[in-house]
Protein backbone atom coordinates (compact mmCIF):
# COMPACT_ATOMS: atom_id res chain seq x y z
CA MET A 1 -0.16 -0.05 0.14
CA SER A 2 2.75 2.04 0.45
CA ARG A 3 4.12 2.35 -2.97
CA ARG A 4 4.37 5.45 -5.30
CA GLY A 5 1.17 5.73 -7.11
CA ASN A 6 -1.34 4.30 -5.28
CA CYS A 7 -4.59 6.59 -4.44
CA HIS A 8 -5.77 4.57 -1.24
CA ASP A 9 -2.24 4.96 0.57
CA ASN A 10 -2.99 8.22 2.20
CA ALA A 11 -7.13 7.92 2.27
CA MET A 12 -7.31 7.99 5.99
CA PRO A 13 -5.70 10.43 7.14
CA GLU A 14 -7.22 12.55 4.50
CA SER A 15 -10.57 12.07 5.47
CA PHE A 16 -10.05 12.48 9.54
CA TYR A 17 -8.41 16.05 8.07
CA GLN A 18 -11.35 16.79 5.83
CA LEU A 19 -13.68 17.38 9.31
CA PRO A 20 -11.68 19.62 10.91
CA LYS A 21 -10.93 21.67 7.65
CA ARG A 22 -14.32 22.11 6.82
CA GLU A 23 -15.97 22.41 9.82
CA ARG A 24 -13.23 24.55 11.75
CA VAL A 25 -10.67 26.29 9.73
CA ARG A 26 -12.39 27.40 7.01
CA ARG A 27 -14.93 29.51 9.36
CA GLN A 28 -11.54 30.90 11.11
CA ILE A 29 -9.34 33.61 10.14
CA TYR A 30 -5.79 33.27 12.21
CA ALA A 31 -3.75 35.99 13.19
CA THR A 32 -0.64 33.78 13.79
CA ARG A 33 0.56 29.81 12.83
CA GLN A 34 0.32 28.92 17.05
CA GLU A 35 -3.36 30.41 16.64
CA ALA A 36 -4.55 27.96 14.60
CA LYS A 37 -2.65 25.09 15.96
CA SER A 38 -3.94 25.41 19.39
CA ASP A 39 -7.91 25.57 17.76
CA VAL A 40 -7.10 22.93 15.31
CA PHE A 41 -5.44 20.69 18.79
CA ASN A 42 -8.64 22.08 21.14
CA TYR A 43 -11.02 20.97 18.48
CA ILE A 44 -9.45 17.62 17.88
CA GLU A 45 -9.38 17.19 22.13
CA MET A 46 -12.62 18.90 23.17
CA PHE A 47 -15.04 18.24 20.83
CA TYR A 48 -14.25 15.48 17.53
CA THR A 49 -12.67 12.81 20.02
CA PRO A 50 -15.19 12.67 23.07
CA THR A 51 -18.53 12.88 21.03
CA ARG A 52 -17.68 12.13 17.77
CA PRO A 53 -19.08 7.90 17.69
CA HIS A 54 -17.09 5.37 16.51
CA SER A 55 -18.33 2.26 14.41
CA SER A 56 -15.71 0.35 16.57
CA ALA A 57 -17.19 1.40 19.85
CA ASN A 58 -21.08 0.16 18.08
CA GLY A 59 -22.04 3.45 17.31
CA LEU A 60 -20.79 5.56 20.74
CA SER A 61 -19.14 8.01 21.41
CA PRO A 62 -15.49 7.40 23.47
CA VAL A 63 -17.39 9.39 26.70
CA GLU A 64 -20.26 7.34 26.42
CA PHE A 65 -18.47 3.65 25.57
CA GLU A 66 -16.50 4.34 28.94
CA GLN A 67 -18.78 5.22 30.80
CA ARG A 68 -21.32 1.60 30.19
CA HIS A 69 -18.01 -0.22 30.42
CA SER A 70 -17.60 1.27 33.89
CA GLN A 71 -21.00 0.39 34.38
CA ARG A 72 -20.43 -3.09 33.65
CA LEU A 73 -17.50 -3.33 35.93
CA ILE A 74 -19.06 -2.12 38.84
CA SER A 75 -21.89 -4.20 38.54
CA THR A 76 -20.01 -6.85 38.20
């Protein structure tokens, strides 16, 4: 998959980065590069990662998945 000319080589990272570009970066005008980096980091760590549902977690967000897992551990 890593050979030159393979159009699917970076499909996953491109798919991931299209969301912050569409939902966050294109709506902002940043004064500095550091401000842009900080805003994108906050978007990913504070909004995207904890709230977006993931197919590997049966459609639950990571926060919901962890809460259910903790409840199962406590009840057993």
